[in-house]
């Protein structure tokens, strides 16, 4: 390595490379910039302004400081993931000799069962959207597609009309890390999309984007949240969940129906099976509840522990 590379310049180039490669959503890139600039500010206070000056002890002391200030384990893990990606870039272009962030230990996170709707609740939500106007048809098609395919909201709003094959019942999705995958959608999602696309034909809307807003442009992640919040509020008794929870519902219901975990992993676009395994906790909890309420000699009905002889 020759010369020095200013840390702010390295951050700017790294983010531009990620953006050009579509290596994450715009929201992810904004979060990366925030995390990297927090590190840069700390390093500058220590008199470190070039990438080549950074040592492992600097990264370790910065994260230790953030933990002392009350930064949550999940936020520490997110920052460490960001710094590992940053160093992947630095080593790839020869600015750094090795990935220092890989030498730091990822904090152990508590496994949290994701929010999801039961099948009856999903049916109530989707079947409630019955209007024939363009925006009702859009909302129904949007939520049907997310639930039918399990795609992320960022992947959904990035879809173009040409990415969807209504004849075959599938869609080509451009996911995290610039990875493409083909997802499947059922009969109801296909039917809803056909009605929506037929209604918008000839309107002065974005020709490329699959889902559009009332101004004719591409729908945003935030708009999807507003649409879901409004539709949930229209159905009595439904708890508010995030759009991402529709993806959780998709995975949970597939496993409830007997789908193989690796099939669900592929459909979700997870690299690691461990990312998908969290849904087995959800299905296991439900199996226990169903068993205890339905079996005549189950613990809940008899009042006895399961290991009582």
C-alpha atoms as a PDB file:
ATOM      1  CA  UNK A   1       0.000   0.000   0.000  1.00  0.00           C
ATOM      2  CA  UNK A   2       1.320   3.439  -0.863  1.00  0.00           C
ATOM      3  CA  UNK A   3       0.175   6.837   0.383  1.00  0.00           C
ATOM      4  CA  UNK A   4      -2.786   7.590   2.593  1.00  0.00           C
ATOM      5  CA  UNK A   5      -6.508   7.523   1.972  1.00  0.00           C
ATOM      6  CA  UNK A   6      -8.687  10.064   3.816  1.00  0.00           C
ATOM      7  CA  UNK A   7     -11.420   8.240   5.701  1.00  0.00           C
ATOM      8  CA  UNK A   8     -14.279  10.513   4.469  1.00  0.00           C
ATOM      9  CA  UNK A   9     -13.194   9.978   0.848  1.00  0.00           C
ATOM     10  CA  UNK A  10     -13.059   6.206   1.328  1.00  0.00           C
ATOM     11  CA  UNK A  11     -16.568   6.263   2.794  1.00  0.00           C
ATOM     12  CA  UNK A  12     -17.939   8.272  -0.145  1.00  0.00           C
ATOM     13  CA  UNK A  13     -16.401   5.958  -2.744  1.00  0.00           C
ATOM     14  CA  UNK A  14     -17.502   2.821  -0.870  1.00  0.00           C
ATOM     15  CA  UNK A  15     -21.128   3.995  -0.790  1.00  0.00           C
ATOM     16  CA  UNK A  16     -21.055   4.963  -4.462  1.00  0.00           C
ATOM     17  CA  UNK A  17     -19.714   1.510  -5.361  1.00  0.00           C
ATOM     18  CA  UNK A  18     -22.487  -0.113  -3.316  1.00  0.00           C
ATOM     19  CA  UNK A  19     -25.109   2.103  -4.956  1.00  0.00           C
ATOM     20  CA  UNK A  20     -23.828   1.355  -8.452  1.00  0.00           C
ATOM     21  CA  UNK A  21     -23.884  -2.373  -7.744  1.00  0.00           C
ATOM     22  CA  UNK A  22     -27.351  -2.075  -6.171  1.00  0.00           C
ATOM     23  CA  UNK A  23     -25.821  -3.541  -3.023  1.00  0.00           C
ATOM     24  CA  UNK A  24     -28.671  -2.627  -0.704  1.00  0.00           C
ATOM     25  CA  UNK A  25     -31.623  -0.247  -0.661  1.00  0.00           C
ATOM     26  CA  UNK A  26     -31.230   3.510  -0.374  1.00  0.00           C
ATOM     27  CA  UNK A  27     -32.319   3.227   3.258  1.00  0.00           C
ATOM     28  CA  UNK A  28     -29.491   0.745   3.902  1.00  0.00           C
ATOM     29  CA  UNK A  29     -26.965   3.078   2.285  1.00  0.00           C
ATOM     30  CA  UNK A  30     -28.159   5.977   4.441  1.00  0.00           C
ATOM     31  CA  UNK A  31     -27.736   3.803   7.545  1.00  0.00           C
ATOM     32  CA  UNK A  32     -24.250   2.764   6.360  1.00  0.00           C
ATOM     33  CA  UNK A  33     -23.230   6.395   5.956  1.00  0.00           C
ATOM     34  CA  UNK A  34     -24.476   7.258   9.433  1.00  0.00           C
ATOM     35  CA  UNK A  35     -22.588   4.337  11.020  1.00  0.00           C
ATOM     36  CA  UNK A  36     -19.385   5.030   9.103  1.00  0.00           C
ATOM     37  CA  UNK A  37     -19.454   8.757   9.842  1.00  0.00           C
ATOM     38  CA  UNK A  38     -19.916   8.003  13.555  1.00  0.00           C
ATOM     39  CA  UNK A  39     -16.724   5.935  13.408  1.00  0.00           C
ATOM     40  CA  UNK A  40     -14.917   8.630  11.381  1.00  0.00           C
ATOM     41  CA  UNK A  41     -15.841  11.299  13.954  1.00  0.00           C
ATOM     42  CA  UNK A  42     -14.471   9.152  16.777  1.00  0.00           C
ATOM     43  CA  UNK A  43     -11.251   8.427  14.874  1.00  0.00           C
ATOM     44  CA  UNK A  44     -10.736  12.104  14.006  1.00  0.00           C
ATOM     45  CA  UNK A  45     -10.942  12.954  17.714  1.00  0.00           C
ATOM     46  CA  UNK A  46      -8.097  10.467  18.225  1.00  0.00           C
ATOM     47  CA  UNK A  47      -6.025  12.185  15.536  1.00  0.00           C
ATOM     48  CA  UNK A  48      -6.687   9.448  12.948  1.00  0.00           C
ATOM     49  CA  UNK A  49      -7.692  10.781   9.546  1.00  0.00           C
ATOM     50  CA  UNK A  50      -6.463   8.123   7.078  1.00  0.00           C
ATOM     51  CA  UNK A  51      -7.668   4.558   6.583  1.00  0.00           C
ATOM     52  CA  UNK A  52      -4.098   3.256   6.794  1.00  0.00           C
ATOM     53  CA  UNK A  53      -3.808   4.605  10.364  1.00  0.00           C
ATOM     54  CA  UNK A  54      -6.723   2.571  11.718  1.00  0.00           C
ATOM     55  CA  UNK A  55      -5.811  -0.311  14.005  1.00  0.00           C
ATOM     56  CA  UNK A  56      -7.927  -3.049  15.522  1.00  0.00           C
ATOM     57  CA  UNK A  57      -7.723  -1.391  18.951  1.00  0.00           C
ATOM     58  CA  UNK A  58      -9.355   1.730  17.519  1.00  0.00           C
ATOM     59  CA  UNK A  59     -12.386  -0.191  16.251  1.00  0.00           C
ATOM     60  CA  UNK A  60     -12.608  -2.121  19.504  1.00  0.00           C
ATOM     61  CA  UNK A  61     -12.441   0.985  21.700  1.00  0.00           C
ATOM     62  CA  UNK A  62     -15.020   2.804  19.571  1.00  0.00           C
ATOM     63  CA  UNK A  63     -17.576  -0.016  19.855  1.00  0.00           C
ATOM     64  CA  UNK A  64     -16.834  -0.375  23.586  1.00  0.00           C
ATOM     65  CA  UNK A  65     -17.538   3.349  23.997  1.00  0.00           C
ATOM     66  CA  UNK A  66     -20.839   3.035  22.151  1.00  0.00           C
ATOM     67  CA  UNK A  67     -21.895   0.076  24.314  1.00  0.00           C
ATOM     68  CA  UNK A  68     -21.092   2.049  27.476  1.00  0.00           C
ATOM     69  CA  UNK A  69     -23.302   4.828  26.152  1.00  0.00           C
ATOM     70  CA  UNK A  70     -26.190   2.367  25.922  1.00  0.00           C
ATOM     71  CA  UNK A  71     -26.148   1.374  22.249  1.00  0.00           C
ATOM     72  CA  UNK A  72     -28.358  -1.705  21.861  1.00  0.00           C
ATOM     73  CA  UNK A  73     -26.813  -5.052  20.924  1.00  0.00           C
ATOM     74  CA  UNK A  74     -28.768  -5.062  17.675  1.00  0.00           C
ATOM     75  CA  UNK A  75     -27.336  -1.647  16.755  1.00  0.00           C
ATOM     76  CA  UNK A  76     -23.804  -2.786  17.622  1.00  0.00           C
ATOM     77  CA  UNK A  77     -24.299  -5.848  15.402  1.00  0.00           C
ATOM     78  CA  UNK A  78     -25.587  -3.627  12.579  1.00  0.00           C
ATOM     79  CA  UNK A  79     -22.590  -1.315  12.846  1.00  0.00           C
ATOM     80  CA  UNK A  80     -20.156  -4.212  12.893  1.00  0.00           C
ATOM     81  CA  UNK A  81     -21.799  -5.670   9.791  1.00  0.00           C
ATOM     82  CA  UNK A  82     -21.426  -2.273   8.114  1.00  0.00           C
ATOM     83  CA  UNK A  83     -17.741  -2.016   9.053  1.00  0.00           C
ATOM     84  CA  UNK A  84     -17.079  -5.527   7.744  1.00  0.00           C
ATOM     85  CA  UNK A  85     -18.617  -4.577   4.406  1.00  0.00           C
ATOM     86  CA  UNK A  86     -16.556  -1.386   4.361  1.00  0.00           C
ATOM     87  CA  UNK A  87     -13.355  -3.350   4.965  1.00  0.00           C
ATOM     88  CA  UNK A  88     -14.341  -5.893   2.322  1.00  0.00           C
ATOM     89  CA  UNK A  89     -14.257  -2.994  -0.111  1.00  0.00           C
ATOM     90  CA  UNK A  90     -10.985  -1.592   1.299  1.00  0.00           C
ATOM     91  CA  UNK A  91      -9.187  -4.934   1.021  1.00  0.00           C
ATOM     92  CA  UNK A  92     -10.664  -5.539  -2.424  1.00  0.00           C
ATOM     93  CA  UNK A  93      -9.135  -2.356  -3.832  1.00  0.00           C
ATOM     94  CA  UNK A  94      -5.866  -2.739  -1.925  1.00  0.00           C
ATOM     95  CA  UNK A  95      -6.294   0.141   0.523  1.00  0.00           C
ATOM     96  CA  UNK A  96      -6.283  -2.226   3.533  1.00  0.00           C
ATOM     97  CA  UNK A  97      -4.287  -5.404   3.926  1.00  0.00           C
ATOM     98  CA  UNK A  98      -6.933  -7.306   5.907  1.00  0.00           C
ATOM     99  CA  UNK A  99     -10.460  -6.968   7.196  1.00  0.00           C
ATOM    100  CA  UNK A 100      -9.949  -5.687  10.746  1.00  0.00           C
ATOM    101  CA  UNK A 101     -13.687  -5.734  11.447  1.00  0.00           C
ATOM    102  CA  UNK A 102     -13.742  -9.504  10.908  1.00  0.00           C
ATOM    103  CA  UNK A 103     -11.520  -9.838  13.987  1.00  0.00           C
ATOM    104  CA  UNK A 104     -14.187  -8.275  16.221  1.00  0.00           C
ATOM    105  CA  UNK A 105     -16.772 -10.502  17.896  1.00  0.00           C
ATOM    106  CA  UNK A 106     -20.398 -10.043  16.917  1.00  0.00           C
ATOM    107  CA  UNK A 107     -22.571  -9.558  20.038  1.00  0.00           C
ATOM    108  CA  UNK A 108     -24.956 -12.418  20.713  1.00  0.00           C
ATOM    109  CA  UNK A 109     -28.499 -11.277  19.997  1.00  0.00           C
ATOM    110  CA  UNK A 110     -31.634 -12.547  21.645  1.00  0.00           C
ATOM    111  CA  UNK A 111     -33.839 -14.449  19.234  1.00  0.00           C
ATOM    112  CA  UNK A 112     -37.153 -12.661  18.871  1.00  0.00           C
ATOM    113  CA  UNK A 113     -40.132 -14.347  17.311  1.00  0.00           C
ATOM    114  CA  UNK A 114     -41.247 -12.066  14.451  1.00  0.00           C
ATOM    115  CA  UNK A 115     -44.703 -10.524  14.288  1.00  0.00           C
ATOM    116  CA  UNK A 116     -47.078 -12.168  11.864  1.00  0.00           C
ATOM    117  CA  UNK A 117     -50.778 -12.604  11.094  1.00  0.00           C
ATOM    118  CA  UNK A 118     -52.557 -15.927  11.353  1.00  0.00           C
ATOM    119  CA  UNK A 119     -54.044 -17.189   8.103  1.00  0.00           C
ATOM    120  CA  UNK A 120     -57.549 -16.123   9.120  1.00  0.00           C
ATOM    121  CA  UNK A 121     -56.300 -12.600   9.837  1.00  0.00           C
ATOM    122  CA  UNK A 122     -54.529 -12.382   6.473  1.00  0.00           C
ATOM    123  CA  UNK A 123     -57.703 -13.503   4.725  1.00  0.00           C
ATOM    124  CA  UNK A 124     -59.704 -10.865   6.608  1.00  0.00           C
ATOM    125  CA  UNK A 125     -57.258  -8.126   5.610  1.00  0.00           C
ATOM    126  CA  UNK A 126     -57.022  -9.041   1.935  1.00  0.00           C
ATOM    127  CA  UNK A 127     -60.680  -9.905   1.397  1.00  0.00           C
ATOM    128  CA  UNK A 128     -61.723  -6.568   2.937  1.00  0.00           C
ATOM    129  CA  UNK A 129     -60.223  -4.638  -0.012  1.00  0.00           C
ATOM    130  CA  UNK A 130     -63.098  -4.946  -2.456  1.00  0.00           C
ATOM    131  CA  UNK A 131     -63.272  -1.634  -4.347  1.00  0.00           C
ATOM    132  CA  UNK A 132     -63.148  -1.520  -8.155  1.00  0.00           C
ATOM    133  CA  UNK A 133     -61.386   1.843  -8.393  1.00  0.00           C
ATOM    134  CA  UNK A 134     -57.735   1.922  -9.470  1.00  0.00           C
ATOM    135  CA  UNK A 135     -56.296   2.572  -6.003  1.00  0.00           C
ATOM    136  CA  UNK A 136     -58.306  -0.152  -4.300  1.00  0.00           C
ATOM    137  CA  UNK A 137     -57.193  -2.571  -7.022  1.00  0.00           C
ATOM    138  CA  UNK A 138     -53.600  -1.409  -6.530  1.00  0.00           C
ATOM    139  CA  UNK A 139     -53.739  -1.902  -2.752  1.00  0.00           C
ATOM    140  CA  UNK A 140     -55.226  -5.379  -3.099  1.00  0.00           C
ATOM    141  CA  UNK A 141     -52.643  -6.411  -5.724  1.00  0.00           C
ATOM    142  CA  UNK A 142     -49.791  -4.936  -3.687  1.00  0.00           C
ATOM    143  CA  UNK A 143     -50.616  -6.751  -0.446  1.00  0.00           C
ATOM    144  CA  UNK A 144     -51.582  -9.968  -2.241  1.00  0.00           C
ATOM    145  CA  UNK A 145     -48.209  -9.971  -4.022  1.00  0.00           C
ATOM    146  CA  UNK A 146     -46.137  -9.381  -0.875  1.00  0.00           C
ATOM    147  CA  UNK A 147     -48.001 -12.103   1.014  1.00  0.00           C
ATOM    148  CA  UNK A 148     -47.973 -14.546  -1.915  1.00  0.00           C
ATOM    149  CA  UNK A 149     -44.239 -14.214  -2.606  1.00  0.00           C
ATOM    150  CA  UNK A 150     -42.684 -13.175   0.703  1.00  0.00           C
ATOM    151  CA  UNK A 151     -40.619 -10.489  -1.019  1.00  0.00           C
ATOM    152  CA  UNK A 152     -39.275  -7.522   0.932  1.00  0.00           C
ATOM    153  CA  UNK A 153     -41.110  -4.218   0.551  1.00  0.00           C
ATOM    154  CA  UNK A 154     -37.991  -2.686  -1.030  1.00  0.00           C
ATOM    155  CA  UNK A 155     -37.969  -5.509  -3.585  1.00  0.00           C
ATOM    156  CA  UNK A 156     -41.672  -5.085  -4.265  1.00  0.00           C
ATOM    157  CA  UNK A 157     -41.602  -1.355  -4.983  1.00  0.00           C
ATOM    158  CA  UNK A 158     -38.541  -1.849  -7.232  1.00  0.00           C
ATOM    159  CA  UNK A 159     -40.448  -4.254  -9.495  1.00  0.00           C
ATOM    160  CA  UNK A 160     -41.169  -3.197 -13.049  1.00  0.00           C
ATOM    161  CA  UNK A 161     -44.155  -4.425 -15.034  1.00  0.00           C
ATOM    162  CA  UNK A 162     -41.799  -6.497 -17.194  1.00  0.00           C
ATOM    163  CA  UNK A 163     -40.445  -8.328 -14.106  1.00  0.00           C
ATOM    164  CA  UNK A 164     -43.797 -10.053 -13.563  1.00  0.00           C
ATOM    165  CA  UNK A 165     -44.906 -13.085 -15.579  1.00  0.00           C
ATOM    166  CA  UNK A 166     -48.656 -13.429 -15.097  1.00  0.00           C
ATOM    167  CA  UNK A 167     -48.819 -16.364 -17.478  1.00  0.00           C
ATOM    168  CA  UNK A 168     -46.403 -18.476 -15.431  1.00  0.00           C
ATOM    169  CA  UNK A 169     -47.326 -16.959 -12.070  1.00  0.00           C
ATOM    170  CA  UNK A 170     -43.905 -15.686 -11.030  1.00  0.00           C
ATOM    171  CA  UNK A 171     -41.670 -12.637 -10.786  1.00  0.00           C
ATOM    172  CA  UNK A 172     -37.971 -11.868 -11.115  1.00  0.00           C
ATOM    173  CA  UNK A 173     -36.821 -10.059  -7.972  1.00  0.00           C
ATOM    174  CA  UNK A 174     -33.629  -8.085  -7.529  1.00  0.00           C
ATOM    175  CA  UNK A 175     -32.752  -8.603  -3.860  1.00  0.00           C
ATOM    176  CA  UNK A 176     -30.059  -7.839  -1.313  1.00  0.00           C
ATOM    177  CA  UNK A 177     -26.459  -7.970  -2.427  1.00  0.00           C
ATOM    178  CA  UNK A 178     -27.474  -7.584  -6.075  1.00  0.00           C
ATOM    179  CA  UNK A 179     -28.820 -11.156  -6.088  1.00  0.00           C
ATOM    180  CA  UNK A 180     -31.632 -12.127  -8.429  1.00  0.00           C
ATOM    181  CA  UNK A 181     -34.197 -14.787  -7.606  1.00  0.00           C
ATOM    182  CA  UNK A 182     -37.431 -16.035  -9.120  1.00  0.00           C
ATOM    183  CA  UNK A 183     -40.442 -16.050  -6.801  1.00  0.00           C
ATOM    184  CA  UNK A 184     -43.798 -17.728  -7.226  1.00  0.00           C
ATOM    185  CA  UNK A 185     -47.238 -16.257  -6.723  1.00  0.00           C
ATOM    186  CA  UNK A 186     -50.562 -17.960  -6.384  1.00  0.00           C
ATOM    187  CA  UNK A 187     -53.794 -17.695  -8.317  1.00  0.00           C
ATOM    188  CA  UNK A 188     -55.268 -14.901  -6.187  1.00  0.00           C
ATOM    189  CA  UNK A 189     -52.203 -12.680  -6.499  1.00  0.00           C
ATOM    190  CA  UNK A 190     -52.155 -13.203 -10.280  1.00  0.00           C
ATOM    191  CA  UNK A 191     -55.867 -12.391 -10.511  1.00  0.00           C
ATOM    192  CA  UNK A 192     -55.448  -9.209  -8.432  1.00  0.00           C
ATOM    193  CA  UNK A 193     -52.487  -8.068 -10.528  1.00  0.00           C
ATOM    194  CA  UNK A 194     -54.387  -8.630 -13.766  1.00  0.00           C
ATOM    195  CA  UNK A 195     -57.295  -6.511 -12.541  1.00  0.00           C
ATOM    196  CA  UNK A 196     -54.963  -3.749 -11.351  1.00  0.00           C
ATOM    197  CA  UNK A 197     -52.900  -3.636 -14.555  1.00  0.00           C
ATOM    198  CA  UNK A 198     -56.039  -3.661 -16.677  1.00  0.00           C
ATOM    199  CA  UNK A 199     -57.453  -0.704 -14.718  1.00  0.00           C
ATOM    200  CA  UNK A 200     -54.283   1.376 -15.056  1.00  0.00           C
ATOM    201  CA  UNK A 201     -53.870   0.734 -18.794  1.00  0.00           C
ATOM    202  CA  UNK A 202     -53.956   3.988 -20.694  1.00  0.00           C
ATOM    203  CA  UNK A 203     -53.622   6.151 -17.575  1.00  0.00           C
ATOM    204  CA  UNK A 204     -50.857   8.763 -17.362  1.00  0.00           C
ATOM    205  CA  UNK A 205     -48.690   6.709 -14.997  1.00  0.00           C
ATOM    206  CA  UNK A 206     -45.080   5.552 -14.829  1.00  0.00           C
ATOM    207  CA  UNK A 207     -44.884   2.993 -17.628  1.00  0.00           C
ATOM    208  CA  UNK A 208     -42.095   0.959 -16.038  1.00  0.00           C
ATOM    209  CA  UNK A 209     -43.027   0.732 -12.343  1.00  0.00           C
ATOM    210  CA  UNK A 210     -45.381  -2.059 -11.326  1.00  0.00           C
ATOM    211  CA  UNK A 211     -46.833  -0.150  -8.374  1.00  0.00           C
ATOM    212  CA  UNK A 212     -47.420   3.585  -8.696  1.00  0.00           C
ATOM    213  CA  UNK A 213     -48.648   6.405  -6.486  1.00  0.00           C
ATOM    214  CA  UNK A 214     -51.437   8.879  -7.200  1.00  0.00           C
ATOM    215  CA  UNK A 215     -48.970  11.270  -8.840  1.00  0.00           C
ATOM    216  CA  UNK A 216     -48.043   8.594 -11.344  1.00  0.00           C
ATOM    217  CA  UNK A 217     -44.569   7.843  -9.967  1.00  0.00           C
ATOM    218  CA  UNK A 218     -43.117   4.705  -8.411  1.00  0.00           C
ATOM    219  CA  UNK A 219     -44.508   3.754  -5.015  1.00  0.00           C
ATOM    220  CA  UNK A 220     -42.069   4.145  -2.082  1.00  0.00           C
ATOM    221  CA  UNK A 221     -41.408   1.941   0.963  1.00  0.00           C
ATOM    222  CA  UNK A 222     -43.011   4.563   3.191  1.00  0.00           C
ATOM    223  CA  UNK A 223     -46.121   4.657   1.022  1.00  0.00           C
ATOM    224  CA  UNK A 224     -46.530   0.892   1.402  1.00  0.00           C
ATOM    225  CA  UNK A 225     -46.508   1.311   5.197  1.00  0.00           C
ATOM    226  CA  UNK A 226     -49.194   4.014   4.954  1.00  0.00           C
ATOM    227  CA  UNK A 227     -51.325   1.825   2.687  1.00  0.00           C
ATOM    228  CA  UNK A 228     -51.046  -1.152   5.049  1.00  0.00           C
ATOM    229  CA  UNK A 229     -51.788   0.981   8.124  1.00  0.00           C
ATOM    230  CA  UNK A 230     -54.905   2.392   6.456  1.00  0.00           C
ATOM    231  CA  UNK A 231     -56.162  -1.014   5.348  1.00  0.00           C
ATOM    232  CA  UNK A 232     -55.528  -2.587   8.768  1.00  0.00           C
ATOM    233  CA  UNK A 233     -57.490   0.217  10.440  1.00  0.00           C
ATOM    234  CA  UNK A 234     -60.489  -0.681   8.272  1.00  0.00           C
ATOM    235  CA  UNK A 235     -60.666  -4.247   9.653  1.00  0.00           C
ATOM    236  CA  UNK A 236     -61.971  -4.544  13.201  1.00  0.00           C
ATOM    237  CA  UNK A 237     -59.786  -6.473  15.607  1.00  0.00           C
ATOM    238  CA  UNK A 238     -56.597  -6.534  13.540  1.00  0.00           C
ATOM    239  CA  UNK A 239     -53.420  -5.543  15.378  1.00  0.00           C
ATOM    240  CA  UNK A 240     -51.109  -3.155  13.550  1.00  0.00           C
ATOM    241  CA  UNK A 241     -48.023  -4.809  12.094  1.00  0.00           C
ATOM    242  CA  UNK A 242     -45.293  -3.624   9.743  1.00  0.00           C
ATOM    243  CA  UNK A 243     -45.238  -4.384   6.014  1.00  0.00           C
ATOM    244  CA  UNK A 244     -42.242  -6.648   6.704  1.00  0.00           C
ATOM    245  CA  UNK A 245     -44.513  -8.761   8.918  1.00  0.00           C
ATOM    246  CA  UNK A 246     -46.390  -9.826   5.762  1.00  0.00           C
ATOM    247  CA  UNK A 247     -43.132 -11.514   4.756  1.00  0.00           C
ATOM    248  CA  UNK A 248     -43.038 -13.170   8.184  1.00  0.00           C
ATOM    249  CA  UNK A 249     -46.624 -14.339   7.670  1.00  0.00           C
ATOM    250  CA  UNK A 250     -45.704 -15.827   4.283  1.00  0.00           C
ATOM    251  CA  UNK A 251     -42.841 -17.873   5.777  1.00  0.00           C
ATOM    252  CA  UNK A 252     -44.818 -18.954   8.837  1.00  0.00           C
ATOM    253  CA  UNK A 253     -47.797 -20.146   6.803  1.00  0.00           C
ATOM    254  CA  UNK A 254     -45.587 -22.100   4.395  1.00  0.00           C
ATOM    255  CA  UNK A 255     -43.974 -23.935   7.310  1.00  0.00           C
ATOM    256  CA  UNK A 256     -47.378 -24.465   8.932  1.00  0.00           C
ATOM    257  CA  UNK A 257     -48.450 -26.101   5.676  1.00  0.00           C
ATOM    258  CA  UNK A 258     -45.508 -28.502   5.693  1.00  0.00           C
ATOM    259  CA  UNK A 259     -43.059 -26.717   3.393  1.00  0.00           C
ATOM    260  CA  UNK A 260     -39.395 -27.722   3.677  1.00  0.00           C
ATOM    261  CA  UNK A 261     -37.239 -25.163   5.507  1.00  0.00           C
ATOM    262  CA  UNK A 262     -34.725 -24.988   2.643  1.00  0.00           C
ATOM    263  CA  UNK A 263     -37.494 -24.261   0.141  1.00  0.00           C
ATOM    264  CA  UNK A 264     -38.669 -21.373   2.325  1.00  0.00           C
ATOM    265  CA  UNK A 265     -35.044 -20.196   2.599  1.00  0.00           C
ATOM    266  CA  UNK A 266     -34.748 -20.062  -1.193  1.00  0.00           C
ATOM    267  CA  UNK A 267     -38.067 -18.274  -1.645  1.00  0.00           C
ATOM    268  CA  UNK A 268     -37.139 -15.666   0.970  1.00  0.00           C
ATOM    269  CA  UNK A 269     -33.720 -15.133  -0.585  1.00  0.00           C
ATOM    270  CA  UNK A 270     -31.810 -15.910   2.620  1.00  0.00           C
ATOM    271  CA  UNK A 271     -28.148 -16.832   2.161  1.00  0.00           C
ATOM    272  CA  UNK A 272     -27.957 -18.648   5.495  1.00  0.00           C
ATOM    273  CA  UNK A 273     -30.431 -21.235   6.727  1.00  0.00           C
ATOM    274  CA  UNK A 274     -30.064 -19.783  10.231  1.00  0.00           C
ATOM    275  CA  UNK A 275     -31.894 -16.648   9.031  1.00  0.00           C
ATOM    276  CA  UNK A 276     -34.882 -18.804   8.104  1.00  0.00           C
ATOM    277  CA  UNK A 277     -34.862 -20.987  11.218  1.00  0.00           C
ATOM    278  CA  UNK A 278     -36.391 -18.251  13.375  1.00  0.00           C
ATOM    279  CA  UNK A 279     -39.733 -19.092  11.767  1.00  0.00           C
ATOM    280  CA  UNK A 280     -39.599 -22.628  13.161  1.00  0.00           C
ATOM    281  CA  UNK A 281     -39.974 -21.087  16.618  1.00  0.00           C
ATOM    282  CA  UNK A 282     -43.183 -19.432  15.505  1.00  0.00           C
ATOM    283  CA  UNK A 283     -44.655 -22.615  14.078  1.00  0.00           C
ATOM    284  CA  UNK A 284     -43.549 -24.628  17.107  1.00  0.00           C
ATOM    285  CA  UNK A 285     -45.301 -22.186  19.451  1.00  0.00           C
ATOM    286  CA  UNK A 286     -48.479 -22.539  17.448  1.00  0.00           C
ATOM    287  CA  UNK A 287     -48.267 -26.343  17.421  1.00  0.00           C
ATOM    288  CA  UNK A 288     -47.994 -26.341  21.216  1.00  0.00           C
ATOM    289  CA  UNK A 289     -51.033 -24.078  21.576  1.00  0.00           C
ATOM    290  CA  UNK A 290     -53.120 -26.157  19.160  1.00  0.00           C
ATOM    291  CA  UNK A 291     -52.078 -29.402  20.852  1.00  0.00           C
ATOM    292  CA  UNK A 292     -52.790 -28.166  24.357  1.00  0.00           C
ATOM    293  CA  UNK A 293     -56.196 -26.803  23.417  1.00  0.00           C
ATOM    294  CA  UNK A 294     -57.285 -29.770  21.272  1.00  0.00           C
ATOM    295  CA  UNK A 295     -55.937 -32.951  22.868  1.00  0.00           C
ATOM    296  CA  UNK A 296     -58.227 -34.348  25.613  1.00  0.00           C
ATOM    297  CA  UNK A 297     -55.287 -35.275  27.844  1.00  0.00           C
ATOM    298  CA  UNK A 298     -53.000 -32.345  27.119  1.00  0.00           C
ATOM    299  CA  UNK A 299     -51.449 -30.405  30.012  1.00  0.00           C
ATOM    300  CA  UNK A 300     -53.586 -27.304  29.640  1.00  0.00           C
ATOM    301  CA  UNK A 301     -56.854 -29.195  29.949  1.00  0.00           C
ATOM    302  CA  UNK A 302     -55.838 -31.679  32.595  1.00  0.00           C
ATOM    303  CA  UNK A 303     -53.977 -29.190  34.752  1.00  0.00           C
ATOM    304  CA  UNK A 304     -50.998 -31.576  34.938  1.00  0.00           C
ATOM    305  CA  UNK A 305     -47.464 -31.039  33.664  1.00  0.00           C
ATOM    306  CA  UNK A 306     -46.558 -32.967  30.533  1.00  0.00           C
ATOM    307  CA  UNK A 307     -44.051 -35.173  32.368  1.00  0.00           C
ATOM    308  CA  UNK A 308     -46.513 -36.316  35.054  1.00  0.00           C
ATOM    309  CA  UNK A 309     -46.800 -40.103  35.122  1.00  0.00           C
END
